[in-house]
Amino acid sequence: GGHLVAGHVDGTGTVRERHQEGNGTVLMVETPPEVLRYCIPKGSITVDGVSLTINEVTGRSFSVMIIPHTANVTTLGIKQVGETTNLEADLIGKYVERLLQERGQLQPKSEIVIDRDYLQKRGLI
């Protein structure tokens, strides 16, 4: 039992921080804007196929708590800083966005243009 997932990869993220908090592990994942737009505190995200609850959202990242059971039965227990993750945004959030766009209550999301400015903003060049 988790949130609704389709098993699709909406984007990839990079683990930027990993630390222990109590008996759990907190992962901070840098996330592309096209996935981060659907992230809210206490909302849902799928990281490497695992349905998780978001703890915190920043301008470029979100954090999740990995409980001991999840750490033991998934690859998230060994995920290290700098490693890539597959991300799937909350399915309901995507449906709500689409419905609001069709009703004219929300501008359609713009297509991403990968140019020099885009790459510089993400520290890729």
N, C-alpha and C. Protein backbone atom coordinates (compact mmCIF):
# COMPACT_ATOMS: atom_id res chain seq x y z
N GLY A 1 0.81 -1.18 0.00
CA GLY A 1 0.00 0.00 0.00
C GLY A 1 0.85 1.25 0.00
N GLY A 2 0.79 1.98 -1.06
CA GLY A 2 1.43 3.28 -1.15
C GLY A 2 0.54 4.16 -1.99
N HIS A 3 1.11 5.18 -2.59
CA HIS A 3 0.30 6.03 -3.46
C HIS A 3 0.19 5.38 -4.84
N LEU A 4 -0.65 5.97 -5.70
CA LEU A 4 -0.84 5.43 -7.04
C LEU A 4 0.39 5.67 -7.89
N VAL A 5 0.92 4.62 -8.45
CA VAL A 5 2.07 4.73 -9.33
C VAL A 5 1.80 3.97 -10.62
N ALA A 6 2.43 4.43 -11.69
CA ALA A 6 2.24 3.79 -12.99
C ALA A 6 3.47 2.97 -13.39
N GLY A 7 4.58 3.17 -12.70
CA GLY A 7 5.79 2.45 -13.05
C GLY A 7 6.59 3.14 -14.13
N HIS A 8 6.25 4.38 -14.43
CA HIS A 8 6.97 5.15 -15.44
C HIS A 8 8.07 5.97 -14.78
N VAL A 9 9.08 6.34 -15.54
CA VAL A 9 10.12 7.22 -15.04
C VAL A 9 9.86 8.61 -15.63
N ASP A 10 9.55 9.57 -14.75
CA ASP A 10 9.30 10.94 -15.18
C ASP A 10 10.59 11.74 -15.28
N GLY A 11 11.61 11.29 -14.61
CA GLY A 11 12.90 11.99 -14.62
C GLY A 11 13.87 11.27 -13.71
N THR A 12 15.08 11.78 -13.66
CA THR A 12 16.08 11.22 -12.76
C THR A 12 16.55 12.30 -11.79
N GLY A 13 16.94 11.86 -10.64
CA GLY A 13 17.46 12.76 -9.62
C GLY A 13 18.83 12.26 -9.19
N THR A 14 19.48 13.07 -8.36
CA THR A 14 20.80 12.72 -7.83
C THR A 14 20.77 12.89 -6.32
N VAL A 15 21.22 11.86 -5.61
CA VAL A 15 21.30 11.95 -4.15
C VAL A 15 22.37 12.98 -3.80
N ARG A 16 21.98 14.03 -3.09
CA ARG A 16 22.91 15.10 -2.71
C ARG A 16 23.29 15.04 -1.24
N GLU A 17 22.47 14.34 -0.45
CA GLU A 17 22.76 14.24 0.98
C GLU A 17 22.17 12.95 1.50
N ARG A 18 22.87 12.36 2.46
CA ARG A 18 22.41 11.14 3.11
C ARG A 18 22.87 11.22 4.56
N HIS A 19 21.94 11.13 5.50
CA HIS A 19 22.34 11.13 6.90
C HIS A 19 21.32 10.35 7.74
N GLN A 20 21.78 9.89 8.88
CA GLN A 20 20.93 9.16 9.82
C GLN A 20 20.14 10.15 10.65
N GLU A 21 18.90 9.81 10.89
CA GLU A 21 18.04 10.59 11.77
C GLU A 21 17.23 9.58 12.57
N GLY A 22 17.59 9.42 13.83
CA GLY A 22 16.97 8.37 14.62
C GLY A 22 17.36 7.02 14.04
N ASN A 23 16.38 6.14 13.82
CA ASN A 23 16.69 4.84 13.23
C ASN A 23 16.47 4.83 11.71
N GLY A 24 16.18 5.99 11.14
CA GLY A 24 15.97 6.08 9.69
C GLY A 24 17.10 6.81 8.99
N THR A 25 17.02 6.80 7.68
CA THR A 25 18.00 7.48 6.84
C THR A 25 17.29 8.52 6.01
N VAL A 26 17.79 9.74 6.03
CA VAL A 26 17.22 10.81 5.22
C VAL A 26 18.03 10.93 3.93
N LEU A 27 17.33 10.92 2.80
CA LEU A 27 17.95 11.17 1.51
C LEU A 27 17.42 12.49 0.97
N MET A 28 18.33 13.38 0.57
CA MET A 28 17.98 14.62 -0.13
C MET A 28 18.31 14.38 -1.59
N VAL A 29 17.31 14.52 -2.46
CA VAL A 29 17.47 14.20 -3.87
C VAL A 29 17.29 15.46 -4.71
N GLU A 30 18.34 15.85 -5.43
CA GLU A 30 18.22 16.96 -6.37
C GLU A 30 17.38 16.48 -7.54
N THR A 31 16.42 17.30 -7.92
CA THR A 31 15.36 16.85 -8.82
C THR A 31 15.14 17.84 -9.95
N PRO A 32 14.93 17.38 -11.18
CA PRO A 32 14.66 18.31 -12.27
C PRO A 32 13.31 19.01 -12.06
N PRO A 33 13.19 20.25 -12.57
CA PRO A 33 11.95 21.02 -12.37
C PRO A 33 10.69 20.31 -12.84
N GLU A 34 10.79 19.50 -13.90
CA GLU A 34 9.60 18.84 -14.42
C GLU A 34 9.04 17.77 -13.48
N VAL A 35 9.81 17.35 -12.49
CA VAL A 35 9.33 16.43 -11.45
C VAL A 35 9.08 17.21 -10.16
N LEU A 36 9.97 18.13 -9.84
CA LEU A 36 9.86 18.90 -8.60
C LEU A 36 8.56 19.69 -8.52
N ARG A 37 8.01 20.06 -9.67
CA ARG A 37 6.75 20.82 -9.69
C ARG A 37 5.60 20.08 -9.02
N TYR A 38 5.69 18.76 -8.94
CA TYR A 38 4.63 17.95 -8.33
C TYR A 38 4.94 17.57 -6.88
N CYS A 39 6.05 18.03 -6.35
CA CYS A 39 6.47 17.65 -5.00
C CYS A 39 5.97 18.64 -3.96
N ILE A 40 5.34 18.12 -2.92
CA ILE A 40 4.88 18.94 -1.80
C ILE A 40 5.20 18.18 -0.51
N PRO A 41 5.44 18.92 0.59
CA PRO A 41 5.66 18.23 1.87
C PRO A 41 4.46 17.35 2.21
N LYS A 42 4.74 16.15 2.65
CA LYS A 42 3.76 15.12 3.00
C LYS A 42 3.05 14.56 1.77
N GLY A 43 3.52 14.94 0.58
CA GLY A 43 3.02 14.36 -0.66
C GLY A 43 3.77 13.08 -0.98
N SER A 44 3.53 12.54 -2.15
CA SER A 44 4.12 11.26 -2.53
C SER A 44 5.08 11.42 -3.70
N ILE A 45 6.08 10.54 -3.71
CA ILE A 45 7.06 10.46 -4.80
C ILE A 45 7.51 9.00 -4.87
N THR A 46 7.85 8.56 -6.05
CA THR A 46 8.41 7.23 -6.20
C THR A 46 9.88 7.38 -6.54
N VAL A 47 10.74 6.78 -5.73
CA VAL A 47 12.19 6.82 -5.94
C VAL A 47 12.65 5.39 -6.20
N ASP A 48 13.21 5.16 -7.37
CA ASP A 48 13.65 3.82 -7.76
C ASP A 48 12.57 2.77 -7.53
N GLY A 49 11.33 3.14 -7.85
CA GLY A 49 10.21 2.21 -7.77
C GLY A 49 9.59 2.08 -6.39
N VAL A 50 10.09 2.84 -5.40
CA VAL A 50 9.59 2.74 -4.03
C VAL A 50 8.73 3.97 -3.72
N SER A 51 7.49 3.74 -3.32
CA SER A 51 6.58 4.81 -2.96
C SER A 51 6.97 5.38 -1.60
N LEU A 52 7.22 6.70 -1.57
CA LEU A 52 7.69 7.35 -0.34
C LEU A 52 6.92 8.64 -0.07
N THR A 53 6.96 9.09 1.17
CA THR A 53 6.38 10.36 1.57
C THR A 53 7.47 11.42 1.61
N ILE A 54 7.20 12.56 1.01
CA ILE A 54 8.16 13.66 0.97
C ILE A 54 8.16 14.38 2.32
N ASN A 55 9.35 14.61 2.85
CA ASN A 55 9.49 15.35 4.12
C ASN A 55 9.57 16.84 3.87
N GLU A 56 10.44 17.24 2.96
CA GLU A 56 10.75 18.65 2.74
C GLU A 56 10.98 18.87 1.26
N VAL A 57 10.66 20.08 0.79
CA VAL A 57 10.91 20.46 -0.60
C VAL A 57 11.67 21.79 -0.57
N THR A 58 12.76 21.86 -1.33
CA THR A 58 13.52 23.09 -1.48
C THR A 58 13.41 23.53 -2.94
N GLY A 59 14.17 24.53 -3.32
CA GLY A 59 14.12 25.02 -4.69
C GLY A 59 14.60 24.04 -5.73
N ARG A 60 15.43 23.08 -5.34
CA ARG A 60 15.99 22.12 -6.30
C ARG A 60 15.91 20.67 -5.85
N SER A 61 15.38 20.43 -4.65
CA SER A 61 15.45 19.08 -4.08
C SER A 61 14.22 18.76 -3.23
N PHE A 62 14.12 17.48 -2.89
CA PHE A 62 13.16 17.03 -1.88
C PHE A 62 13.89 16.04 -0.99
N SER A 63 13.37 15.84 0.22
CA SER A 63 13.95 14.82 1.10
C SER A 63 12.89 13.80 1.48
N VAL A 64 13.35 12.59 1.71
CA VAL A 64 12.50 11.49 2.16
C VAL A 64 13.22 10.75 3.29
N MET A 65 12.43 10.10 4.14
CA MET A 65 12.97 9.29 5.22
C MET A 65 12.84 7.83 4.82
N ILE A 66 13.94 7.11 4.90
CA ILE A 66 13.94 5.68 4.60
C ILE A 66 13.94 4.93 5.93
N ILE A 67 12.85 4.22 6.20
CA ILE A 67 12.76 3.46 7.45
C ILE A 67 13.60 2.18 7.31
N PRO A 68 14.00 1.57 8.43
CA PRO A 68 14.87 0.39 8.37
C PRO A 68 14.34 -0.73 7.46
N HIS A 69 13.04 -1.02 7.51
CA HIS A 69 12.49 -2.09 6.66
C HIS A 69 12.73 -1.77 5.18
N THR A 70 12.42 -0.54 4.77
CA THR A 70 12.62 -0.14 3.37
C THR A 70 14.09 -0.21 3.00
N ALA A 71 14.96 0.22 3.91
CA ALA A 71 16.40 0.16 3.65
C ALA A 71 16.87 -1.27 3.44
N ASN A 72 16.27 -2.21 4.17
CA ASN A 72 16.70 -3.61 4.08
C ASN A 72 16.17 -4.34 2.85
N VAL A 73 15.02 -3.92 2.31
CA VAL A 73 14.41 -4.70 1.23
C VAL A 73 14.44 -3.99 -0.13
N THR A 74 15.07 -2.80 -0.18
CA THR A 74 15.20 -2.09 -1.47
C THR A 74 16.63 -1.60 -1.63
N THR A 75 16.94 -1.09 -2.79
CA THR A 75 18.27 -0.54 -3.05
C THR A 75 18.47 0.81 -2.38
N LEU A 76 17.40 1.41 -1.83
CA LEU A 76 17.55 2.72 -1.20
C LEU A 76 18.43 2.65 0.04
N GLY A 77 18.53 1.49 0.66
CA GLY A 77 19.38 1.34 1.84
C GLY A 77 20.86 1.49 1.54
N ILE A 78 21.25 1.28 0.29
CA ILE A 78 22.67 1.40 -0.07
C ILE A 78 22.93 2.56 -1.03
N LYS A 79 21.91 3.34 -1.32
CA LYS A 79 22.05 4.48 -2.24
C LYS A 79 22.97 5.51 -1.60
N GLN A 80 24.00 5.95 -2.34
CA GLN A 80 25.01 6.87 -1.81
C GLN A 80 24.93 8.24 -2.48
N VAL A 81 25.53 9.24 -1.83
CA VAL A 81 25.60 10.59 -2.38
C VAL A 81 26.27 10.53 -3.75
N GLY A 82 25.66 11.22 -4.70
CA GLY A 82 26.18 11.26 -6.07
C GLY A 82 25.52 10.25 -7.00
N GLU A 83 24.83 9.28 -6.45
CA GLU A 83 24.18 8.27 -7.29
C GLU A 83 22.86 8.79 -7.85
N THR A 84 22.49 8.25 -9.01
CA THR A 84 21.27 8.65 -9.71
C THR A 84 20.10 7.81 -9.25
N THR A 85 18.92 8.43 -9.24
CA THR A 85 17.68 7.73 -8.90
C THR A 85 16.67 7.94 -10.02
N ASN A 86 15.80 6.97 -10.21
CA ASN A 86 14.67 7.13 -11.11
C ASN A 86 13.51 7.68 -10.30
N LEU A 87 12.80 8.67 -10.86
CA LEU A 87 11.72 9.33 -10.13
C LEU A 87 10.41 9.25 -10.90
N GLU A 88 9.35 9.00 -10.18
CA GLU A 88 8.00 9.11 -10.74
C GLU A 88 7.21 10.03 -9.84
N ALA A 89 6.69 11.10 -10.42
CA ALA A 89 5.90 12.08 -9.67
C ALA A 89 4.53 11.49 -9.35
N ASP A 90 3.86 12.13 -8.42
CA ASP A 90 2.54 11.70 -7.99
C ASP A 90 1.55 11.74 -9.15
N LEU A 91 0.91 10.63 -9.42
CA LEU A 91 -0.01 10.50 -10.54
C LEU A 91 -1.22 11.43 -10.41
N ILE A 92 -1.75 11.56 -9.21
CA ILE A 92 -2.92 12.43 -9.01
C ILE A 92 -2.56 13.88 -9.30
N GLY A 93 -1.38 14.31 -8.88
CA GLY A 93 -0.92 15.68 -9.17
C GLY A 93 -0.87 15.95 -10.65
N LYS A 94 -0.42 14.97 -11.43
CA LYS A 94 -0.35 15.14 -12.88
C LYS A 94 -1.75 15.24 -13.49
N TYR A 95 -2.70 14.44 -12.98
CA TYR A 95 -4.07 14.51 -13.46
C TYR A 95 -4.72 15.85 -13.13
N VAL A 96 -4.50 16.33 -11.90
CA VAL A 96 -5.07 17.62 -11.50
C VAL A 96 -4.52 18.73 -12.38
N GLU A 97 -3.22 18.71 -12.63
CA GLU A 97 -2.62 19.72 -13.51
C GLU A 97 -3.26 19.70 -14.89
N ARG A 98 -3.43 18.53 -15.44
CA ARG A 98 -4.01 18.38 -16.78
C ARG A 98 -5.45 18.91 -16.82
N LEU A 99 -6.25 18.57 -15.81
CA LEU A 99 -7.63 19.04 -15.76
C LEU A 99 -7.70 20.57 -15.66
N LEU A 100 -6.84 21.16 -14.84
CA LEU A 100 -6.82 22.62 -14.72
C LEU A 100 -6.39 23.28 -16.02
N GLN A 101 -5.47 22.67 -16.73
CA GLN A 101 -5.05 23.20 -18.03
C GLN A 101 -6.20 23.17 -19.02
N GLU A 102 -6.92 22.06 -19.07
CA GLU A 102 -8.03 21.94 -20.01
C GLU A 102 -9.17 22.89 -19.70
N ARG A 103 -9.32 23.28 -18.44
CA ARG A 103 -10.36 24.23 -18.04
C ARG A 103 -9.88 25.68 -18.19
N GLY A 104 -8.64 25.86 -18.62
CA GLY A 104 -8.09 27.19 -18.80
C GLY A 104 -7.71 27.87 -17.49
N GLN A 105 -7.64 27.11 -16.42
CA GLN A 105 -7.30 27.68 -15.11
C GLN A 105 -5.81 27.59 -14.81
N LEU A 106 -5.06 27.01 -15.73
CA LEU A 106 -3.62 26.85 -15.56
C LEU A 106 -2.97 26.84 -16.93
N GLN A 107 -1.90 27.58 -17.07
CA GLN A 107 -1.18 27.60 -18.34
C GLN A 107 -0.54 26.24 -18.58
N PRO A 108 -0.56 25.76 -19.84
CA PRO A 108 0.14 24.50 -20.13
C PRO A 108 1.62 24.65 -19.82
N LYS A 109 2.23 23.55 -19.33
CA LYS A 109 3.65 23.63 -19.05
C LYS A 109 4.42 23.74 -20.36
N SER A 110 5.44 24.55 -20.33
CA SER A 110 6.21 24.78 -21.54
C SER A 110 7.14 23.61 -21.80
N GLU A 111 7.43 23.40 -23.07
CA GLU A 111 8.38 22.37 -23.45
C GLU A 111 9.77 22.82 -23.01
N ILE A 112 10.56 21.90 -22.53
CA ILE A 112 11.92 22.21 -22.10
C ILE A 112 12.81 22.37 -23.33
N VAL A 113 13.53 23.46 -23.34
CA VAL A 113 14.50 23.71 -24.39
C VAL A 113 15.88 23.54 -23.77
N ILE A 114 16.61 22.55 -24.23
CA ILE A 114 17.94 22.32 -23.69
C ILE A 114 18.92 23.13 -24.53
N ASP A 115 19.31 24.26 -23.95
CA ASP A 115 20.27 25.15 -24.59
C ASP A 115 21.38 25.46 -23.59
N ARG A 116 22.26 26.37 -23.95
CA ARG A 116 23.41 26.71 -23.10
C ARG A 116 22.93 27.23 -21.73
N ASP A 117 21.91 28.08 -21.72
CA ASP A 117 21.39 28.63 -20.48
C ASP A 117 20.85 27.52 -19.57
N TYR A 118 20.09 26.59 -20.13
CA TYR A 118 19.54 25.46 -19.38
C TYR A 118 20.66 24.65 -18.74
N LEU A 119 21.70 24.35 -19.51
CA LEU A 119 22.82 23.55 -19.01
C LEU A 119 23.61 24.30 -17.93
N GLN A 120 23.80 25.60 -18.10
CA GLN A 120 24.53 26.39 -17.12
C GLN A 120 23.78 26.46 -15.79
N LYS A 121 22.48 26.66 -15.84
CA LYS A 121 21.67 26.75 -14.62
C LYS A 121 21.74 25.49 -13.79
N ARG A 122 21.99 24.37 -14.43
CA ARG A 122 22.05 23.08 -13.75
C ARG A 122 23.47 22.63 -13.46
N GLY A 123 24.43 23.54 -13.72
CA GLY A 123 25.83 23.23 -13.43
C GLY A 123 26.44 22.16 -14.30
N LEU A 124 25.88 21.99 -15.50
CA LEU A 124 26.38 20.95 -16.39
C LEU A 124 27.48 21.44 -17.33
N ILE A 125 27.59 22.76 -17.47
CA ILE A 125 28.72 23.34 -18.25
C ILE A 125 29.24 24.56 -17.53
